[in-house]
Protein backbone atom coordinates (compact mmCIF):
# COMPACT_ATOMS: atom_id res chain seq x y z
CA MET A 1 -4.41 -4.23 21.71
CA SER A 2 -2.86 -4.40 18.24
CA GLU A 3 0.82 -4.02 17.50
CA THR A 4 1.41 -1.37 14.82
CA ARG A 5 4.08 -2.05 12.23
CA VAL A 6 5.08 0.48 9.59
CA VAL A 7 5.46 -1.01 6.10
CA SER A 8 7.26 1.11 3.49
CA ILE A 9 6.12 1.18 -0.12
CA HIS A 10 8.06 2.74 -3.01
CA THR A 11 5.11 3.88 -5.12
CA PRO A 12 2.48 6.49 -4.13
CA THR A 13 -0.26 3.82 -4.01
CA ILE A 14 -0.52 0.03 -3.78
CA ARG A 15 -3.42 -2.39 -4.19
CA LEU A 16 -4.71 -3.95 -0.98
CA ASP A 17 -4.00 -7.53 -2.07
CA GLN A 18 -0.45 -6.62 -3.13
CA PHE A 19 0.13 -4.84 0.16
CA LEU A 20 -0.92 -7.85 2.22
CA LYS A 21 1.65 -9.97 0.37
CA TRP A 22 4.35 -7.26 0.55
CA ALA A 23 3.81 -6.86 4.31
CA GLY A 24 3.85 -10.62 4.93
CA ALA A 25 0.28 -10.68 6.23
CA ALA A 26 -0.65 -13.20 3.51
CA PRO A 27 1.88 -15.65 2.09
CA THR A 28 0.17 -15.88 -1.31
CA GLY A 29 -2.02 -13.74 -3.52
CA GLY A 30 -4.73 -16.38 -3.25
CA GLN A 31 -4.75 -16.15 0.53
CA ALA A 32 -4.83 -12.34 0.34
CA LYS A 33 -7.84 -12.56 -1.99
CA GLN A 34 -9.58 -14.96 0.41
CA LEU A 35 -8.95 -12.76 3.47
CA ILE A 36 -10.24 -9.67 1.70
CA GLY A 37 -13.24 -11.41 0.11
CA SER A 38 -14.37 -12.89 3.42
CA GLY A 39 -14.44 -9.49 5.11
CA GLN A 40 -11.49 -10.13 7.42
CA VAL A 41 -9.52 -7.03 6.39
CA LEU A 42 -10.09 -3.55 7.77
CA VAL A 43 -8.73 -0.42 6.12
CA ASN A 44 -8.76 2.63 8.38
CA GLY A 45 -11.24 0.86 10.66
CA ARG A 46 -13.71 -0.17 7.93
CA THR A 47 -14.23 -3.59 6.39
CA GLU A 48 -12.84 -3.67 2.85
CA THR A 49 -13.84 -6.43 0.41
CA ARG A 50 -12.29 -5.00 -2.78
CA ARG A 51 -8.85 -6.45 -3.35
CA ALA A 52 -8.03 -3.64 -5.80
CA HIS A 53 -8.70 -0.99 -3.15
CA SER A 54 -5.90 1.57 -3.44
CA LEU A 55 -3.84 2.25 -0.32
CA SER A 56 -1.65 5.30 0.17
CA ASP A 57 0.60 6.88 2.78
CA GLY A 58 -0.89 6.81 6.27
CA ASP A 59 -3.54 4.15 5.64
CA GLN A 60 -3.87 1.47 8.32
CA VAL A 61 -4.67 -2.15 7.53
CA GLU A 62 -5.74 -4.82 10.01
CA VAL A 63 -6.40 -8.52 9.47
CA ALA A 64 -9.05 -9.83 11.85
CA GLY A 65 -7.66 -12.03 14.60
CA SER A 66 -4.00 -11.31 13.78
CA GLY A 67 -3.45 -8.66 16.44
CA LEU A 68 -1.41 -6.71 13.90
CA CYS A 69 -2.01 -3.24 12.49
CA LEU A 70 -0.01 -2.37 9.37
CA GLN A 71 0.57 1.28 8.55
CA VAL A 72 1.42 2.24 4.97
CA GLN A 73 4.40 4.57 4.61
CA TYR A 74 5.33 5.94 1.19
CA ARG A 75 9.07 6.31 0.71
CA PRO A 76 9.89 7.55 -2.80
CA GLY A 77 13.01 6.47 -4.54
CA ARG A 78 14.84 3.19 -4.75
């Protein structure tokens, strides 16, 4: 079973590769690109291979084998 962690963003949308870095699921942009390109990232239960895929409030992101589910939460302001 995956642990769900809510990750707040301060813009209405965020690119998948940027989100993985922001959430700490990938330490570098290069590693985020590699994870996405190799089909190891699921967005709302579907494999996503486009690093520019746009995420918004409520989307769920999983990295295969990590046991972690990241939920996008839009919090305006800041």
